[in-house]
């Protein structure tokens, strides 16, 4: 699936390899310029390997009002978690 609307480029594809398909549900690519906002991601039981090609940092926010900023290098593995996490939407580039 490809979507090109309002400067958004998105691609989602299933693995072609049967061996990989047993472990990977899908690949996603997103390119857009979103304004700064904080987005809450709720737990879903899945594991994600995320690579930030635009900059070498991922920012998450913790605390009751997302006031505590935490940064990590530009590649992260986000696994199943018990609590929601808040992310910076500008990283979805």
PDB file of N, CA and C in Angstrom:
ATOM      1  N   UNK A   1       0.845  -1.173   0.000  1.00  0.00           N
ATOM      2  CA  UNK A   1       0.000   0.000   0.000  1.00  0.00           C
ATOM      3  C   UNK A   1       0.890   1.236   0.000  1.00  0.00           C
ATOM      4  N   UNK A   2       0.620   2.156  -0.887  1.00  0.00           N
ATOM      5  CA  UNK A   2       1.349   3.421  -0.942  1.00  0.00           C
ATOM      6  C   UNK A   2       0.355   4.562  -0.840  1.00  0.00           C
ATOM      7  N   UNK A   3       0.738   5.580  -0.106  1.00  0.00           N
ATOM      8  CA  UNK A   3      -0.132   6.745   0.047  1.00  0.00           C
ATOM      9  C   UNK A   3       0.708   7.991  -0.163  1.00  0.00           C
ATOM     10  N   UNK A   4       0.340   8.834  -1.110  1.00  0.00           N
ATOM     11  CA  UNK A   4       1.040  10.084  -1.357  1.00  0.00           C
ATOM     12  C   UNK A   4       0.022  11.216  -1.324  1.00  0.00           C
ATOM     13  N   UNK A   5      -0.209  11.749  -0.161  1.00  0.00           N
ATOM     14  CA  UNK A   5      -1.170  12.844  -0.027  1.00  0.00           C
ATOM     15  C   UNK A   5      -0.634  13.829   0.994  1.00  0.00           C
ATOM     16  N   UNK A   6      -0.730  15.085   0.689  1.00  0.00           N
ATOM     17  CA  UNK A   6      -0.308  16.149   1.611  1.00  0.00           C
ATOM     18  C   UNK A   6       1.117  15.917   2.114  1.00  0.00           C
ATOM     19  N   UNK A   7       2.031  15.642   1.193  1.00  0.00           N
ATOM     20  CA  UNK A   7       3.446  15.428   1.522  1.00  0.00           C
ATOM     21  C   UNK A   7       3.671  14.268   2.479  1.00  0.00           C
ATOM     22  N   UNK A   8       2.833  13.258   2.434  1.00  0.00           N
ATOM     23  CA  UNK A   8       2.996  12.069   3.261  1.00  0.00           C
ATOM     24  C   UNK A   8       3.365  10.911   2.353  1.00  0.00           C
ATOM     25  N   UNK A   9       4.453  10.230   2.690  1.00  0.00           N
ATOM     26  CA  UNK A   9       4.832   9.020   1.970  1.00  0.00           C
ATOM     27  C   UNK A   9       4.768   7.868   2.963  1.00  0.00           C
ATOM     28  N   UNK A  10       3.974   6.870   2.648  1.00  0.00           N
ATOM     29  CA  UNK A  10       3.781   5.737   3.550  1.00  0.00           C
ATOM     30  C   UNK A  10       3.810   4.448   2.741  1.00  0.00           C
ATOM     31  N   UNK A  11       4.502   3.465   3.252  1.00  0.00           N
ATOM     32  CA  UNK A  11       4.567   2.160   2.615  1.00  0.00           C
ATOM     33  C   UNK A  11       4.442   1.101   3.702  1.00  0.00           C
ATOM     34  N   UNK A  12       3.584   0.138   3.489  1.00  0.00           N
ATOM     35  CA  UNK A  12       3.454  -1.006   4.383  1.00  0.00           C
ATOM     36  C   UNK A  12       3.504  -2.255   3.516  1.00  0.00           C
ATOM     37  N   UNK A  13       4.321  -3.219   3.915  1.00  0.00           N
ATOM     38  CA  UNK A  13       4.468  -4.439   3.122  1.00  0.00           C
ATOM     39  C   UNK A  13       4.681  -5.632   4.044  1.00  0.00           C
ATOM     40  N   UNK A  14       4.195  -6.773   3.603  1.00  0.00           N
ATOM     41  CA  UNK A  14       4.421  -8.021   4.325  1.00  0.00           C
ATOM     42  C   UNK A  14       5.712  -8.636   3.806  1.00  0.00           C
ATOM     43  N   UNK A  15       6.439  -9.385   4.648  1.00  0.00           N
ATOM     44  CA  UNK A  15       7.675 -10.019   4.184  1.00  0.00           C
ATOM     45  C   UNK A  15       7.388 -11.029   3.074  1.00  0.00           C
ATOM     46  N   UNK A  16       8.269 -11.091   2.096  1.00  0.00           N
ATOM     47  CA  UNK A  16       8.124 -12.050   1.007  1.00  0.00           C
ATOM     48  C   UNK A  16       8.676 -13.420   1.372  1.00  0.00           C
ATOM     49  N   UNK A  17       9.618 -13.460   2.275  1.00  0.00           N
ATOM     50  CA  UNK A  17      10.247 -14.709   2.702  1.00  0.00           C
ATOM     51  C   UNK A  17       9.361 -15.439   3.711  1.00  0.00           C
ATOM     52  N   UNK A  18       9.088 -16.716   3.472  1.00  0.00           N
ATOM     53  CA  UNK A  18       8.296 -17.502   4.429  1.00  0.00           C
ATOM     54  C   UNK A  18       9.004 -17.611   5.774  1.00  0.00           C
ATOM     55  N   UNK A  19      10.327 -17.760   5.743  1.00  0.00           N
ATOM     56  CA  UNK A  19      11.090 -17.870   6.989  1.00  0.00           C
ATOM     57  C   UNK A  19      10.959 -16.592   7.818  1.00  0.00           C
ATOM     58  N   UNK A  20      10.995 -15.463   7.181  1.00  0.00           N
ATOM     59  CA  UNK A  20      10.870 -14.182   7.873  1.00  0.00           C
ATOM     60  C   UNK A  20       9.435 -13.920   8.295  1.00  0.00           C
ATOM     61  N   UNK A  21       8.479 -14.350   7.501  1.00  0.00           N
ATOM     62  CA  UNK A  21       7.060 -14.120   7.796  1.00  0.00           C
ATOM     63  C   UNK A  21       6.629 -14.744   9.110  1.00  0.00           C
ATOM     64  N   UNK A  22       7.326 -15.783   9.551  1.00  0.00           N
ATOM     65  CA  UNK A  22       6.999 -16.404  10.833  1.00  0.00           C
ATOM     66  C   UNK A  22       7.313 -15.473  12.006  1.00  0.00           C
ATOM     67  N   UNK A  23       8.202 -14.501  11.787  1.00  0.00           N
ATOM     68  CA  UNK A  23       8.636 -13.616  12.870  1.00  0.00           C
ATOM     69  C   UNK A  23       8.275 -12.150  12.657  1.00  0.00           C
ATOM     70  N   UNK A  24       8.023 -11.741  11.413  1.00  0.00           N
ATOM     71  CA  UNK A  24       7.762 -10.339  11.087  1.00  0.00           C
ATOM     72  C   UNK A  24       6.375 -10.213  10.474  1.00  0.00           C
ATOM     73  N   UNK A  25       5.528  -9.415  11.094  1.00  0.00           N
ATOM     74  CA  UNK A  25       4.170  -9.211  10.578  1.00  0.00           C
ATOM     75  C   UNK A  25       4.166  -8.286   9.367  1.00  0.00           C
ATOM     76  N   UNK A  26       4.919  -7.172   9.463  1.00  0.00           N
ATOM     77  CA  UNK A  26       4.959  -6.225   8.354  1.00  0.00           C
ATOM     78  C   UNK A  26       6.106  -5.238   8.536  1.00  0.00           C
ATOM     79  N   UNK A  27       6.456  -4.585   7.420  1.00  0.00           N
ATOM     80  CA  UNK A  27       7.421  -3.493   7.386  1.00  0.00           C
ATOM     81  C   UNK A  27       6.650  -2.220   7.097  1.00  0.00           C
ATOM     82  N   UNK A  28       7.048  -1.114   7.726  1.00  0.00           N
ATOM     83  CA  UNK A  28       6.382   0.173   7.490  1.00  0.00           C
ATOM     84  C   UNK A  28       7.447   1.239   7.251  1.00  0.00           C
ATOM     85  N   UNK A  29       7.150   2.140   6.334  1.00  0.00           N
ATOM     86  CA  UNK A  29       7.989   3.301   6.080  1.00  0.00           C
ATOM     87  C   UNK A  29       7.079   4.522   6.055  1.00  0.00           C
ATOM     88  N   UNK A  30       7.465   5.550   6.802  1.00  0.00           N
ATOM     89  CA  UNK A  30       6.670   6.775   6.862  1.00  0.00           C
ATOM     90  C   UNK A  30       7.592   7.969   6.697  1.00  0.00           C
ATOM     91  N   UNK A  31       7.205   8.882   5.823  1.00  0.00           N
ATOM     92  CA  UNK A  31       7.953  10.127   5.654  1.00  0.00           C
ATOM     93  C   UNK A  31       6.962  11.274   5.582  1.00  0.00           C
ATOM     94  N   UNK A  32       7.040  12.167   6.546  1.00  0.00           N
ATOM     95  CA  UNK A  32       6.162  13.332   6.595  1.00  0.00           C
ATOM     96  C   UNK A  32       6.760  14.359   7.552  1.00  0.00           C
ATOM     97  N   UNK A  33       6.266  15.550   7.524  1.00  0.00           N
ATOM     98  CA  UNK A  33       6.679  16.590   8.464  1.00  0.00           C
ATOM     99  C   UNK A  33       5.478  16.956   9.323  1.00  0.00           C
ATOM    100  N   UNK A  34       5.426  16.406  10.500  1.00  0.00           N
ATOM    101  CA  UNK A  34       4.344  16.707  11.427  1.00  0.00           C
ATOM    102  C   UNK A  34       4.788  17.801  12.382  1.00  0.00           C
ATOM    103  N   UNK A  35       3.889  18.654  12.814  1.00  0.00           N
ATOM    104  CA  UNK A  35       4.246  19.658  13.821  1.00  0.00           C
ATOM    105  C   UNK A  35       4.507  18.970  15.161  1.00  0.00           C
ATOM    106  N   UNK A  36       5.202  19.658  16.044  1.00  0.00           N
ATOM    107  CA  UNK A  36       5.476  19.075  17.360  1.00  0.00           C
ATOM    108  C   UNK A  36       4.175  18.831  18.105  1.00  0.00           C
ATOM    109  N   UNK A  37       4.045  17.643  18.601  1.00  0.00           N
ATOM    110  CA  UNK A  37       2.938  17.262  19.476  1.00  0.00           C
ATOM    111  C   UNK A  37       3.373  16.010  20.219  1.00  0.00           C
ATOM    112  N   UNK A  38       2.755  15.768  21.335  1.00  0.00           N
ATOM    113  CA  UNK A  38       3.022  14.545  22.077  1.00  0.00           C
ATOM    114  C   UNK A  38       1.876  13.580  21.818  1.00  0.00           C
ATOM    115  N   UNK A  39       2.230  12.337  21.514  1.00  0.00           N
ATOM    116  CA  UNK A  39       1.244  11.324  21.182  1.00  0.00           C
ATOM    117  C   UNK A  39       1.403  10.137  22.140  1.00  0.00           C
ATOM    118  N   UNK A  40       0.313   9.722  22.731  1.00  0.00           N
ATOM    119  CA  UNK A  40       0.346   8.593  23.666  1.00  0.00           C
ATOM    120  C   UNK A  40       0.122   7.295  22.900  1.00  0.00           C
ATOM    121  N   UNK A  41       1.036   6.344  23.084  1.00  0.00           N
ATOM    122  CA  UNK A  41       0.950   5.027  22.458  1.00  0.00           C
ATOM    123  C   UNK A  41       0.557   4.028  23.542  1.00  0.00           C
ATOM    124  N   UNK A  42      -0.526   3.323  23.325  1.00  0.00           N
ATOM    125  CA  UNK A  42      -1.009   2.363  24.328  1.00  0.00           C
ATOM    126  C   UNK A  42      -0.382   0.991  24.081  1.00  0.00           C
ATOM    127  N   UNK A  43      -0.231   0.178  25.121  1.00  0.00           N
ATOM    128  CA  UNK A  43       0.357  -1.157  24.962  1.00  0.00           C
ATOM    129  C   UNK A  43      -0.483  -2.012  24.012  1.00  0.00           C
ATOM    130  N   UNK A  44       0.212  -2.797  23.175  1.00  0.00           N
ATOM    131  CA  UNK A  44      -0.517  -3.668  22.248  1.00  0.00           C
ATOM    132  C   UNK A  44       0.066  -5.080  22.174  1.00  0.00           C
ATOM    133  N   UNK A  45       1.101  -5.384  22.947  1.00  0.00           N
ATOM    134  CA  UNK A  45       1.667  -6.730  22.973  1.00  0.00           C
ATOM    135  C   UNK A  45       2.615  -7.037  21.837  1.00  0.00           C
ATOM    136  N   UNK A  46       2.904  -6.084  20.959  1.00  0.00           N
ATOM    137  CA  UNK A  46       3.797  -6.320  19.830  1.00  0.00           C
ATOM    138  C   UNK A  46       5.186  -5.755  20.095  1.00  0.00           C
ATOM    139  N   UNK A  47       6.159  -6.240  19.336  1.00  0.00           N
ATOM    140  CA  UNK A  47       7.521  -5.738  19.386  1.00  0.00           C
ATOM    141  C   UNK A  47       7.779  -4.976  18.090  1.00  0.00           C
ATOM    142  N   UNK A  48       8.434  -3.815  18.192  1.00  0.00           N
ATOM    143  CA  UNK A  48       8.730  -2.992  17.025  1.00  0.00           C
ATOM    144  C   UNK A  48      10.218  -2.667  17.004  1.00  0.00           C
ATOM    145  N   UNK A  49      10.843  -2.813  15.849  1.00  0.00           N
ATOM    146  CA  UNK A  49      12.188  -2.310  15.609  1.00  0.00           C
ATOM    147  C   UNK A  49      11.996  -1.020  14.834  1.00  0.00           C
ATOM    148  N   UNK A  50      12.452   0.092  15.400  1.00  0.00           N
ATOM    149  CA  UNK A  50      12.211   1.407  14.810  1.00  0.00           C
ATOM    150  C   UNK A  50      13.559   2.047  14.494  1.00  0.00           C
ATOM    151  N   UNK A  51      13.713   2.513  13.263  1.00  0.00           N
ATOM    152  CA  UNK A  51      14.941   3.177  12.831  1.00  0.00           C
ATOM    153  C   UNK A  51      14.573   4.593  12.398  1.00  0.00           C
ATOM    154  N   UNK A  52      15.160   5.581  13.050  1.00  0.00           N
ATOM    155  CA  UNK A  52      14.916   6.982  12.712  1.00  0.00           C
ATOM    156  C   UNK A  52      15.974   7.410  11.700  1.00  0.00           C
ATOM    157  N   UNK A  53      15.581   7.554  10.438  1.00  0.00           N
ATOM    158  CA  UNK A  53      16.519   7.931   9.379  1.00  0.00           C
ATOM    159  C   UNK A  53      16.747   9.434   9.308  1.00  0.00           C
ATOM    160  N   UNK A  54      15.910  10.221   9.970  1.00  0.00           N
ATOM    161  CA  UNK A  54      16.010  11.679   9.899  1.00  0.00           C
ATOM    162  C   UNK A  54      16.982  12.256  10.928  1.00  0.00           C
ATOM    163  N   UNK A  55      17.078  11.640  12.095  1.00  0.00           N
ATOM    164  CA  UNK A  55      17.993  12.119  13.131  1.00  0.00           C
ATOM    165  C   UNK A  55      18.376  10.943  14.025  1.00  0.00           C
ATOM    166  N   UNK A  56      19.421  11.105  14.794  1.00  0.00           N
ATOM    167  CA  UNK A  56      19.929  10.008  15.612  1.00  0.00           C
ATOM    168  C   UNK A  56      19.388  10.080  17.039  1.00  0.00           C
ATOM    169  N   UNK A  57      18.069  10.235  17.176  1.00  0.00           N
ATOM    170  CA  UNK A  57      17.489  10.263  18.517  1.00  0.00           C
ATOM    171  C   UNK A  57      16.003   9.939  18.464  1.00  0.00           C
ATOM    172  N   UNK A  58      15.560   9.194  19.470  1.00  0.00           N
ATOM    173  CA  UNK A  58      14.139   8.997  19.742  1.00  0.00           C
ATOM    174  C   UNK A  58      13.867   9.605  21.098  1.00  0.00           C
ATOM    175  N   UNK A  59      12.775  10.345  21.205  1.00  0.00           N
ATOM    176  CA  UNK A  59      12.426  10.964  22.472  1.00  0.00           C
ATOM    177  C   UNK A  59      11.122  10.368  22.985  1.00  0.00           C
ATOM    178  N   UNK A  60      11.134   9.984  24.249  1.00  0.00           N
ATOM    179  CA  UNK A  60       9.912   9.557  24.923  1.00  0.00           C
ATOM    180  C   UNK A  60       9.750  10.433  26.148  1.00  0.00           C
ATOM    181  N   UNK A  61       8.531  10.502  26.637  1.00  0.00           N
ATOM    182  CA  UNK A  61       8.226  11.375  27.765  1.00  0.00           C
ATOM    183  C   UNK A  61       7.502  10.558  28.819  1.00  0.00           C
ATOM    184  N   UNK A  62       7.872  10.789  30.067  1.00  0.00           N
ATOM    185  CA  UNK A  62       7.276  10.074  31.192  1.00  0.00           C
ATOM    186  C   UNK A  62       6.753  11.075  32.208  1.00  0.00           C
ATOM    187  N   UNK A  63       6.043  10.552  33.164  1.00  0.00           N
ATOM    188  CA  UNK A  63       5.466  11.398  34.196  1.00  0.00           C
ATOM    189  C   UNK A  63       3.982  11.599  33.943  1.00  0.00           C
ATOM    190  N   UNK A  64       3.272  12.049  34.954  1.00  0.00           N
ATOM    191  CA  UNK A  64       1.821  12.205  34.834  1.00  0.00           C
ATOM    192  C   UNK A  64       1.430  13.208  33.747  1.00  0.00           C
ATOM    193  N   UNK A  65       2.307  14.171  33.472  1.00  0.00           N
ATOM    194  CA  UNK A  65       2.034  15.169  32.424  1.00  0.00           C
ATOM    195  C   UNK A  65       3.087  15.144  31.324  1.00  0.00           C
ATOM    196  N   UNK A  66       3.753  14.020  31.190  1.00  0.00           N
ATOM    197  CA  UNK A  66       4.803  13.844  30.172  1.00  0.00           C
ATOM    198  C   UNK A  66       5.878  14.919  30.289  1.00  0.00           C
ATOM    199  N   UNK A  67       6.255  15.256  31.519  1.00  0.00           N
ATOM    200  CA  UNK A  67       7.225  16.328  31.729  1.00  0.00           C
ATOM    201  C   UNK A  67       8.671  15.841  31.770  1.00  0.00           C
ATOM    202  N   UNK A  68       8.896  14.538  31.858  1.00  0.00           N
ATOM    203  CA  UNK A  68      10.254  13.991  31.925  1.00  0.00           C
ATOM    204  C   UNK A  68      10.655  13.457  30.557  1.00  0.00           C
ATOM    205  N   UNK A  69      11.642  14.099  29.934  1.00  0.00           N
ATOM    206  CA  UNK A  69      12.102  13.716  28.594  1.00  0.00           C
ATOM    207  C   UNK A  69      13.212  12.686  28.697  1.00  0.00           C
ATOM    208  N   UNK A  70      13.149  11.670  27.836  1.00  0.00           N
ATOM    209  CA  UNK A  70      14.177  10.636  27.792  1.00  0.00           C
ATOM    210  C   UNK A  70      14.568  10.427  26.330  1.00  0.00           C
ATOM    211  N   UNK A  71      15.864  10.465  26.021  1.00  0.00           N
ATOM    212  CA  UNK A  71      16.328  10.288  24.646  1.00  0.00           C
ATOM    213  C   UNK A  71      17.134   9.014  24.495  1.00  0.00           C
ATOM    214  N   UNK A  72      17.035   8.401  23.320  1.00  0.00           N
ATOM    215  CA  UNK A  72      17.815   7.213  22.977  1.00  0.00           C
ATOM    216  C   UNK A  72      18.326   7.386  21.562  1.00  0.00           C
ATOM    217  N   UNK A  73      19.352   6.594  21.204  1.00  0.00           N
ATOM    218  CA  UNK A  73      19.915   6.679  19.859  1.00  0.00           C
ATOM    219  C   UNK A  73      18.860   6.358  18.809  1.00  0.00           C
ATOM    220  N   UNK A  74      19.158   6.597  17.547  1.00  0.00           N
ATOM    221  CA  UNK A  74      18.209   6.525  16.457  1.00  0.00           C
ATOM    222  C   UNK A  74      17.668   5.173  16.061  1.00  0.00           C
ATOM    223  N   UNK A  75      17.984   4.110  16.775  1.00  0.00           N
ATOM    224  CA  UNK A  75      17.401   2.791  16.535  1.00  0.00           C
ATOM    225  C   UNK A  75      16.986   2.219  17.876  1.00  0.00           C
ATOM    226  N   UNK A  76      15.743   1.799  17.982  1.00  0.00           N
ATOM    227  CA  UNK A  76      15.257   1.234  19.233  1.00  0.00           C
ATOM    228  C   UNK A  76      14.412  -0.005  18.962  1.00  0.00           C
ATOM    229  N   UNK A  77      14.394  -0.879  19.934  1.00  0.00           N
ATOM    230  CA  UNK A  77      13.464  -1.998  19.924  1.00  0.00           C
ATOM    231  C   UNK A  77      12.456  -1.710  21.020  1.00  0.00           C
ATOM    232  N   UNK A  78      11.215  -1.576  20.633  1.00  0.00           N
ATOM    233  CA  UNK A  78      10.140  -1.303  21.583  1.00  0.00           C
ATOM    234  C   UNK A  78       9.345  -2.588  21.745  1.00  0.00           C
ATOM    235  N   UNK A  79       9.414  -3.153  22.918  1.00  0.00           N
ATOM    236  CA  UNK A  79       8.735  -4.417  23.168  1.00  0.00           C
ATOM    237  C   UNK A  79       7.418  -4.242  23.876  1.00  0.00           C
ATOM    238  N   UNK A  80       6.786  -5.348  24.165  1.00  0.00           N
ATOM    239  CA  UNK A  80       5.534  -5.273  24.924  1.00  0.00           C
ATOM    240  C   UNK A  80       5.773  -4.536  26.244  1.00  0.00           C
ATOM    241  N   UNK A  81       4.847  -3.686  26.622  1.00  0.00           N
ATOM    242  CA  UNK A  81       4.996  -2.944  27.866  1.00  0.00           C
ATOM    243  C   UNK A  81       3.646  -2.862  28.571  1.00  0.00           C
ATOM    244  N   UNK A  82       3.705  -2.616  29.863  1.00  0.00           N
ATOM    245  CA  UNK A  82       2.493  -2.603  30.681  1.00  0.00           C
ATOM    246  C   UNK A  82       1.825  -1.229  30.729  1.00  0.00           C
ATOM    247  N   UNK A  83       2.590  -0.169  30.451  1.00  0.00           N
ATOM    248  CA  UNK A  83       2.050   1.188  30.522  1.00  0.00           C
ATOM    249  C   UNK A  83       2.166   1.870  29.162  1.00  0.00           C
ATOM    250  N   UNK A  84       1.369   2.888  28.978  1.00  0.00           N
ATOM    251  CA  UNK A  84       1.477   3.661  27.742  1.00  0.00           C
ATOM    252  C   UNK A  84       2.764   4.473  27.752  1.00  0.00           C
ATOM    253  N   UNK A  85       3.173   4.903  26.569  1.00  0.00           N
ATOM    254  CA  UNK A  85       4.366   5.728  26.431  1.00  0.00           C
ATOM    255  C   UNK A  85       3.993   6.933  25.575  1.00  0.00           C
ATOM    256  N   UNK A  86       4.628   8.068  25.834  1.00  0.00           N
ATOM    257  CA  UNK A  86       4.356   9.293  25.079  1.00  0.00           C
ATOM    258  C   UNK A  86       5.549   9.558  24.176  1.00  0.00           C
ATOM    259  N   UNK A  87       5.267   9.818  22.883  1.00  0.00           N
ATOM    260  CA  UNK A  87       6.330  10.077  21.916  1.00  0.00           C
ATOM    261  C   UNK A  87       6.165  11.456  21.307  1.00  0.00           C
ATOM    262  N   UNK A  88       7.227  11.916  20.654  1.00  0.00           N
ATOM    263  CA  UNK A  88       7.269  13.194  19.941  1.00  0.00           C
ATOM    264  C   UNK A  88       6.888  12.928  18.486  1.00  0.00           C
ATOM    265  N   UNK A  89       5.839  13.548  17.981  1.00  0.00           N
ATOM    266  CA  UNK A  89       5.371  13.281  16.624  1.00  0.00           C
ATOM    267  C   UNK A  89       6.348  13.733  15.535  1.00  0.00           C
ATOM    268  N   UNK A  90       7.246  14.666  15.845  1.00  0.00           N
ATOM    269  CA  UNK A  90       8.231  15.104  14.837  1.00  0.00           C
ATOM    270  C   UNK A  90       9.154  13.967  14.429  1.00  0.00           C
ATOM    271  N   UNK A  91       9.269  12.949  15.256  1.00  0.00           N
ATOM    272  CA  UNK A  91      10.123  11.813  14.934  1.00  0.00           C
ATOM    273  C   UNK A  91       9.505  10.902  13.880  1.00  0.00           C
ATOM    274  N   UNK A  92       8.268  11.109  13.548  1.00  0.00           N
ATOM    275  CA  UNK A  92       7.614  10.297  12.531  1.00  0.00           C
ATOM    276  C   UNK A  92       7.903  10.898  11.168  1.00  0.00           C
ATOM    277  N   UNK A  93       9.180  10.940  10.839  1.00  0.00           N
ATOM    278  CA  UNK A  93       9.631  11.575   9.601  1.00  0.00           C
ATOM    279  C   UNK A  93      10.358  10.570   8.740  1.00  0.00           C
TER     280      UNK A  93
END
